[in-house]
Each structure stands twice: as C-alpha cells, then as structure tokens.
Amino acid sequence: MTPTVEEAVHQARETWRRLGVEQDAVEEMTEELAADLTAAAFDGQSVTDYLGKDVEAIAVSWAAERGLVPVRRRLKETAVAAAMGATVPALAALGIWWVSWSGLLGGTTESTTATAGGGVLWEVYKSPNLGVPLMWVGWVACLLAAFFLIRRTVAAELERTLDPARKATTRAMTKALPLILPAAAVLGGAIGLFGAYAVGYFQLLFTVPIALAGMIGAVAAGAAWVRHRACPPVTVTG
C-alpha cells in the first residue's frame, strides 16, 4: 500500500527523532521532504515512486549523509545482546560436560557385595565412556551455535535502534568471535578444573553457576570491546 504524503512525512519525522537528530534539523528536513513529495505529487509521482518502498531506510540514509545522526557507544546494549545470544550455547555446553563427567554413557562404575564369610567384595567395571567424544563434538557444535546466535542478537539490537555503525560492528564481530568464543570456553574449562581440585564433592554446585557466569561474562565483555573498537568517533555518549 502506497503511503500518502502526510504518512511518509510523519514516518520520516519519527525516524529522525528516534535517531536522535537535533530538533532544528528535524524541522528543516521535514519541511524539505514535504515540499519535495508535494512537488512530486503534482508531477504524477506517488510517494513510492519518489522515495521507494522503505521510507524509514531513506530517512536514515538522508540523515546519515548529512552527518546528523549521533553515534552512540551502546556498549551496555551490545554486551547484553551478546550475553543473550551466548546463554543457550553455554548452558548446552555445561549440560554436555555434565553428561561426560557423570559417566551416564559409560566409564568406571563400582559395586560392593557381601561375601559368605562376612567380607565385602568391591568390584570395578570399566567401559568406554561415550560421553567423552560426545563432549568434544558437542562443544564444537556449541561454539558454532554461539557464533551465529551472538552475531544475530547483536545485529538485531543495533538494527532495532537504527544504529549507523551497526554494519561496521557486525563485520568486526564476525572477525572477533572466533577469538572471543574459544577464550570464553577456556575460561569455563579452567573454572571446571579449579572446581574439581579445590571444591571436590560439591564441584557441580560450584562449576555450573560460576562457569556459566564466567563464559557469558567473557563473551559480553568481548562484544563490548569489539563495539568500542568498531564504533566511529562518538558525538553523543550514551
């Protein structure tokens, strides 16, 4: 459905306001756009013919070309979006580790039975622990899933706010995630080893929440660092 001149002008005006364009500039561009669309209508052109189908994209492009879009750092928003994307893969990785550690799919099991003479017979059974190869394959799958989920959630958050540096941030995130994710995985593994040696029997209660927080926190910090590096010079802090 082709919008009317009034609808297109209103949509462009609201887009500029959401972008944080100064009020004086918004008023000036609104008047200019209304005059252009009115003139185009007299020439027989519809709004779609003159601007295209995406009025919002045209409004963003117009403001960006004039240097009127304030670039915000959005470090917190980027970190939170990355953490959201990392949560499910991190939980899955911990679940896979628990399956391997618990020996549900094989490994060493022990049993005791009483003998006729009143003694105790202690038997140890060893079988291949299928949880070990599952753990390594599962962790690789979790890393791949985390890569795409984190990149998507960060890009979606910056797209939602019409951030002018969203494409640069997404490109930088694509390059940096292959380094950030293994670092987060190593941190989680280190926490698990520390729990095994320092906490002992209660390591599960220690490892799961601490390793989860550590891995997600590492990803969030890495994403914020990438955003800081990729973002153009800041004109408005936020």
C-alpha atoms as a PDB file:
ATOM      1  CA  MET A   1       0.000   0.000   0.000  1.00  0.00           C
ATOM      2  CA  THR A   2       1.438   3.343  -1.034  1.00  0.00           C
ATOM      3  CA  PRO A   3       1.582   5.831   1.862  1.00  0.00           C
ATOM      4  CA  THR A   4       0.223   9.328   1.496  1.00  0.00           C
ATOM      5  CA  VAL A   5       2.482  12.372   1.606  1.00  0.00           C
ATOM      6  CA  GLU A   6       1.395  13.079   5.185  1.00  0.00           C
ATOM      7  CA  GLU A   7       2.066   9.473   6.280  1.00  0.00           C
ATOM      8  CA  ALA A   8       5.511   9.420   4.665  1.00  0.00           C
ATOM      9  CA  VAL A   9       6.487  12.745   6.207  1.00  0.00           C
ATOM     10  CA  HIS A  10       5.280  11.581   9.628  1.00  0.00           C
ATOM     11  CA  GLN A  11       7.196   8.312   9.376  1.00  0.00           C
ATOM     12  CA  ALA A  12      10.395  10.092   8.319  1.00  0.00           C
ATOM     13  CA  ARG A  13       9.983  12.628  11.120  1.00  0.00           C
ATOM     14  CA  GLU A  14       9.573   9.899  13.750  1.00  0.00           C
ATOM     15  CA  THR A  15      12.601   8.061  12.363  1.00  0.00           C
ATOM     16  CA  TRP A  16      14.778  11.157  12.671  1.00  0.00           C
ATOM     17  CA  ARG A  17      13.597  11.666  16.234  1.00  0.00           C
ATOM     18  CA  ARG A  18      14.427   8.067  17.132  1.00  0.00           C
ATOM     19  CA  LEU A  19      17.872   8.525  15.626  1.00  0.00           C
ATOM     20  CA  GLY A  20      18.454  11.469  17.942  1.00  0.00           C
ATOM     21  CA  VAL A  21      18.691  14.127  15.236  1.00  0.00           C
ATOM     22  CA  GLU A  22      18.501  17.628  16.697  1.00  0.00           C
ATOM     23  CA  GLN A  23      15.060  19.217  16.615  1.00  0.00           C
ATOM     24  CA  ASP A  24      16.038  22.120  14.349  1.00  0.00           C
ATOM     25  CA  ALA A  25      17.427  19.725  11.767  1.00  0.00           C
ATOM     26  CA  VAL A  26      14.317  17.544  12.033  1.00  0.00           C
ATOM     27  CA  GLU A  27      12.078  20.510  11.322  1.00  0.00           C
ATOM     28  CA  GLU A  28      14.208  21.590   8.370  1.00  0.00           C
ATOM     29  CA  MET A  29      14.290  18.138   6.778  1.00  0.00           C
ATOM     30  CA  THR A  30      10.577  17.633   7.412  1.00  0.00           C
ATOM     31  CA  GLU A  31       9.723  20.823   5.550  1.00  0.00           C
ATOM     32  CA  GLU A  32      12.098  19.912   2.721  1.00  0.00           C
ATOM     33  CA  LEU A  33      10.693  16.392   2.391  1.00  0.00           C
ATOM     34  CA  ALA A  34       7.094  17.634   2.446  1.00  0.00           C
ATOM     35  CA  ALA A  35       7.875  20.157  -0.301  1.00  0.00           C
ATOM     36  CA  ASP A  36       9.644  17.522  -2.425  1.00  0.00           C
ATOM     37  CA  LEU A  37       6.817  14.991  -2.079  1.00  0.00           C
ATOM     38  CA  THR A  38       4.174  17.619  -2.816  1.00  0.00           C
ATOM     39  CA  ALA A  39       6.033  18.683  -5.950  1.00  0.00           C
ATOM     40  CA  ALA A  40       6.414  15.040  -6.981  1.00  0.00           C
ATOM     41  CA  ALA A  41       2.670  14.502  -6.483  1.00  0.00           C
ATOM     42  CA  PHE A  42       1.903  17.416  -8.820  1.00  0.00           C
ATOM     43  CA  ASP A  43       4.129  15.705 -11.407  1.00  0.00           C
ATOM     44  CA  GLY A  44       2.120  12.499 -11.059  1.00  0.00           C
ATOM     45  CA  GLN A  45       4.604  10.594  -8.893  1.00  0.00           C
ATOM     46  CA  SER A  46       3.491   8.673  -5.837  1.00  0.00           C
ATOM     47  CA  VAL A  47       5.489   8.530  -2.590  1.00  0.00           C
ATOM     48  CA  THR A  48       6.744   5.074  -3.529  1.00  0.00           C
ATOM     49  CA  ASP A  49       7.838   6.293  -6.964  1.00  0.00           C
ATOM     50  CA  TYR A  50       9.789   9.144  -5.388  1.00  0.00           C
ATOM     51  CA  LEU A  51      11.225   7.530  -2.234  1.00  0.00           C
ATOM     52  CA  GLY A  52      10.939   3.814  -2.806  1.00  0.00           C
ATOM     53  CA  LYS A  53       9.129   1.293  -0.617  1.00  0.00           C
ATOM     54  CA  ASP A  54      11.179   1.779   2.565  1.00  0.00           C
ATOM     55  CA  VAL A  55      10.604   5.315   3.825  1.00  0.00           C
ATOM     56  CA  GLU A  56      12.458   4.617   7.065  1.00  0.00           C
ATOM     57  CA  ALA A  57      15.605   3.472   5.261  1.00  0.00           C
ATOM     58  CA  ILE A  58      15.542   6.581   3.072  1.00  0.00           C
ATOM     59  CA  ALA A  59      15.130   8.783   6.162  1.00  0.00           C
ATOM     60  CA  VAL A  60      18.081   7.095   7.883  1.00  0.00           C
ATOM     61  CA  SER A  61      20.231   7.406   4.770  1.00  0.00           C
ATOM     62  CA  TRP A  62      19.310  11.055   4.306  1.00  0.00           C
ATOM     63  CA  ALA A  63      20.195  11.969   7.893  1.00  0.00           C
ATOM     64  CA  ALA A  64      23.430   9.948   7.779  1.00  0.00           C
ATOM     65  CA  GLU A  65      24.566  11.588   4.531  1.00  0.00           C
ATOM     66  CA  ARG A  66      24.157  14.987   6.170  1.00  0.00           C
ATOM     67  CA  GLY A  67      26.127  13.909   9.232  1.00  0.00           C
ATOM     68  CA  LEU A  68      23.160  14.463  11.532  1.00  0.00           C
ATOM     69  CA  VAL A  69      22.987  11.017  13.140  1.00  0.00           C
ATOM     70  CA  PRO A  70      24.669  10.969  16.553  1.00  0.00           C
ATOM     71  CA  VAL A  71      26.652   7.773  17.018  1.00  0.00           C
ATOM     72  CA  ARG A  72      26.134   6.341  20.488  1.00  0.00           C
ATOM     73  CA  ARG A  73      28.545   3.910  22.060  1.00  0.00           C
ATOM     74  CA  ARG A  74      25.808   1.469  23.174  1.00  0.00           C
ATOM     75  CA  LEU A  75      28.385  -0.699  24.951  1.00  0.00           C
ATOM     76  CA  LYS A  76      25.863  -1.912  27.525  1.00  0.00           C
ATOM     77  CA  GLU A  77      23.261  -2.779  24.894  1.00  0.00           C
ATOM     78  CA  THR A  78      25.848  -4.653  22.827  1.00  0.00           C
ATOM     79  CA  ALA A  79      27.101  -6.589  25.843  1.00  0.00           C
ATOM     80  CA  VAL A  80      23.576  -7.550  26.933  1.00  0.00           C
ATOM     81  CA  ALA A  81      22.647  -8.681  23.413  1.00  0.00           C
ATOM     82  CA  ALA A  82      25.802 -10.786  23.172  1.00  0.00           C
ATOM     83  CA  ALA A  83      25.107 -12.322  26.591  1.00  0.00           C
ATOM     84  CA  MET A  84      21.599 -13.264  25.467  1.00  0.00           C
ATOM     85  CA  GLY A  85      22.988 -14.962  22.385  1.00  0.00           C
ATOM     86  CA  ALA A  86      25.607 -16.846  24.425  1.00  0.00           C
ATOM     87  CA  THR A  87      23.313 -18.135  27.174  1.00  0.00           C
ATOM     88  CA  VAL A  88      21.745 -21.136  25.428  1.00  0.00           C
ATOM     89  CA  PRO A  89      25.027 -22.454  23.906  1.00  0.00           C
ATOM     90  CA  ALA A  90      26.764 -22.013  27.278  1.00  0.00           C
ATOM     91  CA  LEU A  91      24.027 -23.955  29.068  1.00  0.00           C
ATOM     92  CA  ALA A  92      24.210 -26.671  26.411  1.00  0.00           C
ATOM     93  CA  ALA A  93      27.998 -26.894  26.787  1.00  0.00           C
ATOM     94  CA  LEU A  94      27.682 -27.313  30.550  1.00  0.00           C
ATOM     95  CA  GLY A  95      24.994 -29.942  30.080  1.00  0.00           C
ATOM     96  CA  ILE A  96      27.225 -31.903  27.713  1.00  0.00           C
ATOM     97  CA  TRP A  97      30.113 -31.629  30.188  1.00  0.00           C
ATOM     98  CA  TRP A  98      27.895 -32.970  32.974  1.00  0.00           C
ATOM     99  CA  VAL A  99      26.875 -35.985  30.878  1.00  0.00           C
ATOM    100  CA  SER A 100      30.554 -36.791  30.288  1.00  0.00           C
ATOM    101  CA  TRP A 101      31.587 -36.155  33.889  1.00  0.00           C
ATOM    102  CA  SER A 102      28.738 -38.173  35.426  1.00  0.00           C
ATOM    103  CA  GLY A 103      29.538 -41.290  33.408  1.00  0.00           C
ATOM    104  CA  LEU A 104      25.955 -41.774  32.276  1.00  0.00           C
ATOM    105  CA  LEU A 105      27.191 -43.035  28.908  1.00  0.00           C
ATOM    106  CA  GLY A 106      29.853 -45.342  30.275  1.00  0.00           C
ATOM    107  CA  GLY A 107      33.129 -45.170  32.156  1.00  0.00           C
ATOM    108  CA  THR A 108      34.178 -46.567  35.515  1.00  0.00           C
ATOM    109  CA  THR A 109      31.500 -47.952  37.822  1.00  0.00           C
ATOM    110  CA  GLU A 110      31.883 -49.627  41.180  1.00  0.00           C
ATOM    111  CA  SER A 111      29.798 -52.070  43.154  1.00  0.00           C
ATOM    112  CA  THR A 112      30.113 -53.826  46.518  1.00  0.00           C
ATOM    113  CA  THR A 113      28.636 -57.158  47.532  1.00  0.00           C
ATOM    114  CA  ALA A 114      28.791 -59.080  50.787  1.00  0.00           C
ATOM    115  CA  THR A 115      30.585 -62.459  50.708  1.00  0.00           C
ATOM    116  CA  ALA A 116      29.559 -65.603  52.563  1.00  0.00           C
ATOM    117  CA  GLY A 117      32.350 -65.112  55.068  1.00  0.00           C
ATOM    118  CA  GLY A 118      31.102 -61.661  56.073  1.00  0.00           C
ATOM    119  CA  GLY A 119      33.572 -59.745  53.932  1.00  0.00           C
ATOM    120  CA  VAL A 120      32.902 -57.176  51.269  1.00  0.00           C
ATOM    121  CA  LEU A 121      33.702 -57.723  47.619  1.00  0.00           C
ATOM    122  CA  TRP A 122      34.498 -54.499  45.786  1.00  0.00           C
ATOM    123  CA  GLU A 123      34.229 -54.736  42.003  1.00  0.00           C
ATOM    124  CA  VAL A 124      35.241 -52.100  39.477  1.00  0.00           C
ATOM    125  CA  TYR A 125      33.853 -52.191  35.944  1.00  0.00           C
ATOM    126  CA  LYS A 126      35.392 -50.184  33.141  1.00  0.00           C
ATOM    127  CA  SER A 127      33.693 -49.476  29.834  1.00  0.00           C
ATOM    128  CA  PRO A 128      34.271 -46.874  27.116  1.00  0.00           C
ATOM    129  CA  ASN A 129      32.845 -43.526  28.178  1.00  0.00           C
ATOM    130  CA  LEU A 130      30.866 -42.376  25.163  1.00  0.00           C
ATOM    131  CA  GLY A 131      30.371 -39.069  26.892  1.00  0.00           C
ATOM    132  CA  VAL A 132      33.942 -38.009  26.113  1.00  0.00           C
ATOM    133  CA  PRO A 133      33.658 -37.936  22.296  1.00  0.00           C
ATOM    134  CA  LEU A 134      30.143 -36.546  22.702  1.00  0.00           C
ATOM    135  CA  MET A 135      31.580 -33.760  24.827  1.00  0.00           C
ATOM    136  CA  TRP A 136      34.142 -32.687  22.230  1.00  0.00           C
ATOM    137  CA  VAL A 137      31.719 -32.883  19.322  1.00  0.00           C
ATOM    138  CA  GLY A 138      29.058 -31.126  21.362  1.00  0.00           C
ATOM    139  CA  TRP A 139      31.387 -28.340  22.380  1.00  0.00           C
ATOM    140  CA  VAL A 140      32.286 -27.649  18.755  1.00  0.00           C
ATOM    141  CA  ALA A 141      28.578 -27.527  17.914  1.00  0.00           C
ATOM    142  CA  CYS A 142      28.000 -25.145  20.836  1.00  0.00           C
ATOM    143  CA  LEU A 143      30.783 -22.846  19.615  1.00  0.00           C
ATOM    144  CA  LEU A 144      29.272 -22.726  16.134  1.00  0.00           C
ATOM    145  CA  ALA A 145      25.803 -22.080  17.519  1.00  0.00           C
ATOM    146  CA  ALA A 146      27.155 -19.343  19.777  1.00  0.00           C
ATOM    147  CA  PHE A 147      28.890 -17.654  16.840  1.00  0.00           C
ATOM    148  CA  PHE A 148      25.693 -17.285  14.829  1.00  0.00           C
ATOM    149  CA  LEU A 149      23.408 -16.527  17.774  1.00  0.00           C
ATOM    150  CA  ILE A 150      25.634 -13.813  19.224  1.00  0.00           C
ATOM    151  CA  ARG A 151      26.176 -12.167  15.876  1.00  0.00           C
ATOM    152  CA  ARG A 152      22.449 -12.232  15.188  1.00  0.00           C
ATOM    153  CA  THR A 153      21.372 -10.851  18.567  1.00  0.00           C
ATOM    154  CA  VAL A 154      23.903  -8.009  18.446  1.00  0.00           C
ATOM    155  CA  ALA A 155      22.960  -7.125  14.868  1.00  0.00           C
ATOM    156  CA  ALA A 156      19.243  -7.235  15.749  1.00  0.00           C
ATOM    157  CA  GLU A 157      19.724  -4.925  18.735  1.00  0.00           C
ATOM    158  CA  LEU A 158      21.676  -2.370  16.714  1.00  0.00           C
ATOM    159  CA  GLU A 159      19.158  -2.652  13.866  1.00  0.00           C
ATOM    160  CA  ARG A 160      16.318  -2.019  16.312  1.00  0.00           C
ATOM    161  CA  THR A 161      17.922   1.237  17.380  1.00  0.00           C
ATOM    162  CA  LEU A 162      18.814   2.190  13.775  1.00  0.00           C
ATOM    163  CA  ASP A 163      22.445   2.483  14.815  1.00  0.00           C
ATOM    164  CA  PRO A 164      24.518   3.941  11.956  1.00  0.00           C
ATOM    165  CA  ALA A 165      27.541   1.823  12.933  1.00  0.00           C
ATOM    166  CA  ARG A 166      25.637  -1.471  13.008  1.00  0.00           C
ATOM    167  CA  LYS A 167      27.180  -2.839   9.820  1.00  0.00           C
ATOM    168  CA  ALA A 168      30.718  -1.992  10.897  1.00  0.00           C
ATOM    169  CA  THR A 169      30.063  -3.562  14.303  1.00  0.00           C
ATOM    170  CA  THR A 170      28.640  -6.740  12.752  1.00  0.00           C
ATOM    171  CA  ARG A 171      31.661  -7.093  10.466  1.00  0.00           C
ATOM    172  CA  ALA A 172      34.040  -6.595  13.374  1.00  0.00           C
ATOM    173  CA  MET A 173      32.063  -9.068  15.489  1.00  0.00           C
ATOM    174  CA  THR A 174      32.305 -11.682  12.739  1.00  0.00           C
ATOM    175  CA  LYS A 175      36.093 -11.370  12.774  1.00  0.00           C
ATOM    176  CA  ALA A 176      36.476 -11.263  16.552  1.00  0.00           C
ATOM    177  CA  LEU A 177      34.088 -14.017  17.679  1.00  0.00           C
ATOM    178  CA  PRO A 178      36.433 -16.856  16.547  1.00  0.00           C
ATOM    179  CA  LEU A 179      38.857 -15.493  19.161  1.00  0.00           C
ATOM    180  CA  ILE A 180      36.361 -14.490  21.847  1.00  0.00           C
ATOM    181  CA  LEU A 181      34.476 -17.790  21.954  1.00  0.00           C
ATOM    182  CA  PRO A 182      37.496 -20.102  22.453  1.00  0.00           C
ATOM    183  CA  ALA A 183      38.740 -17.737  25.155  1.00  0.00           C
ATOM    184  CA  ALA A 184      35.364 -17.994  26.914  1.00  0.00           C
ATOM    185  CA  ALA A 185      35.440 -21.787  26.560  1.00  0.00           C
ATOM    186  CA  VAL A 186      38.956 -21.962  28.045  1.00  0.00           C
ATOM    187  CA  LEU A 187      37.794 -19.826  30.960  1.00  0.00           C
ATOM    188  CA  GLY A 188      34.878 -22.169  31.564  1.00  0.00           C
ATOM    189  CA  GLY A 189      37.213 -25.168  31.429  1.00  0.00           C
ATOM    190  CA  ALA A 190      39.622 -23.549  33.863  1.00  0.00           C
ATOM    191  CA  ILE A 191      36.785 -22.906  36.304  1.00  0.00           C
ATOM    192  CA  GLY A 192      35.755 -26.549  35.951  1.00  0.00           C
ATOM    193  CA  LEU A 193      39.282 -27.782  36.711  1.00  0.00           C
ATOM    194  CA  PHE A 194      39.536 -25.475  39.695  1.00  0.00           C
ATOM    195  CA  GLY A 195      36.232 -26.798  40.979  1.00  0.00           C
ATOM    196  CA  ALA A 196      37.371 -30.397  40.569  1.00  0.00           C
ATOM    197  CA  TYR A 197      40.554 -29.898  42.585  1.00  0.00           C
ATOM    198  CA  ALA A 198      39.561 -27.203  45.082  1.00  0.00           C
ATOM    199  CA  VAL A 199      35.888 -27.892  45.748  1.00  0.00           C
ATOM    200  CA  GLY A 200      35.774 -31.635  45.359  1.00  0.00           C
ATOM    201  CA  TYR A 201      32.444 -33.341  46.017  1.00  0.00           C
ATOM    202  CA  PHE A 202      30.411 -30.163  45.643  1.00  0.00           C
ATOM    203  CA  GLN A 203      32.098 -29.112  42.410  1.00  0.00           C
ATOM    204  CA  LEU A 204      28.857 -29.348  40.424  1.00  0.00           C
ATOM    205  CA  LEU A 205      27.241 -26.714  42.623  1.00  0.00           C
ATOM    206  CA  PHE A 206      30.304 -24.528  42.123  1.00  0.00           C
ATOM    207  CA  THR A 207      31.160 -25.186  38.488  1.00  0.00           C
ATOM    208  CA  VAL A 208      27.768 -24.751  36.846  1.00  0.00           C
ATOM    209  CA  PRO A 209      26.877 -21.230  38.059  1.00  0.00           C
ATOM    210  CA  ILE A 210      30.436 -19.870  38.133  1.00  0.00           C
ATOM    211  CA  ALA A 211      31.458 -21.318  34.768  1.00  0.00           C
ATOM    212  CA  LEU A 212      28.182 -20.157  33.208  1.00  0.00           C
ATOM    213  CA  ALA A 213      28.656 -16.630  34.532  1.00  0.00           C
ATOM    214  CA  GLY A 214      32.311 -16.639  33.507  1.00  0.00           C
ATOM    215  CA  MET A 215      31.690 -17.724  29.909  1.00  0.00           C
ATOM    216  CA  ILE A 216      28.755 -15.392  29.362  1.00  0.00           C
ATOM    217  CA  GLY A 217      30.618 -12.537  31.024  1.00  0.00           C
ATOM    218  CA  ALA A 218      33.659 -13.112  28.813  1.00  0.00           C
ATOM    219  CA  VAL A 219      31.507 -13.014  25.681  1.00  0.00           C
ATOM    220  CA  ALA A 220      29.704  -9.867  26.853  1.00  0.00           C
ATOM    221  CA  ALA A 221      32.992  -8.124  27.636  1.00  0.00           C
ATOM    222  CA  GLY A 222      34.451  -9.170  24.284  1.00  0.00           C
ATOM    223  CA  ALA A 223      31.410  -7.895  22.408  1.00  0.00           C
ATOM    224  CA  ALA A 224      31.583  -4.559  24.223  1.00  0.00           C
ATOM    225  CA  TRP A 225      35.270  -4.298  23.342  1.00  0.00           C
ATOM    226  CA  VAL A 226      34.509  -5.024  19.682  1.00  0.00           C
ATOM    227  CA  ARG A 227      31.781  -2.397  19.668  1.00  0.00           C
ATOM    228  CA  HIS A 228      34.157   0.120  21.240  1.00  0.00           C
ATOM    229  CA  ARG A 229      36.743  -0.579  18.541  1.00  0.00           C
ATOM    230  CA  ALA A 230      34.283  -0.617  15.641  1.00  0.00           C
ATOM    231  CA  CYS A 231      32.185   2.389  16.602  1.00  0.00           C
ATOM    232  CA  PRO A 232      33.096   5.660  14.802  1.00  0.00           C
ATOM    233  CA  PRO A 233      34.099   8.694  16.882  1.00  0.00           C
ATOM    234  CA  VAL A 234      31.424   9.322  19.464  1.00  0.00           C
ATOM    235  CA  THR A 235      29.417  12.515  19.087  1.00  0.00           C
ATOM    236  CA  VAL A 236      26.918  11.754  21.837  1.00  0.00           C
ATOM    237  CA  THR A 237      27.633   9.473  24.762  1.00  0.00           C
ATOM    238  CA  GLY A 238      25.015   7.012  25.835  1.00  0.00           C
END
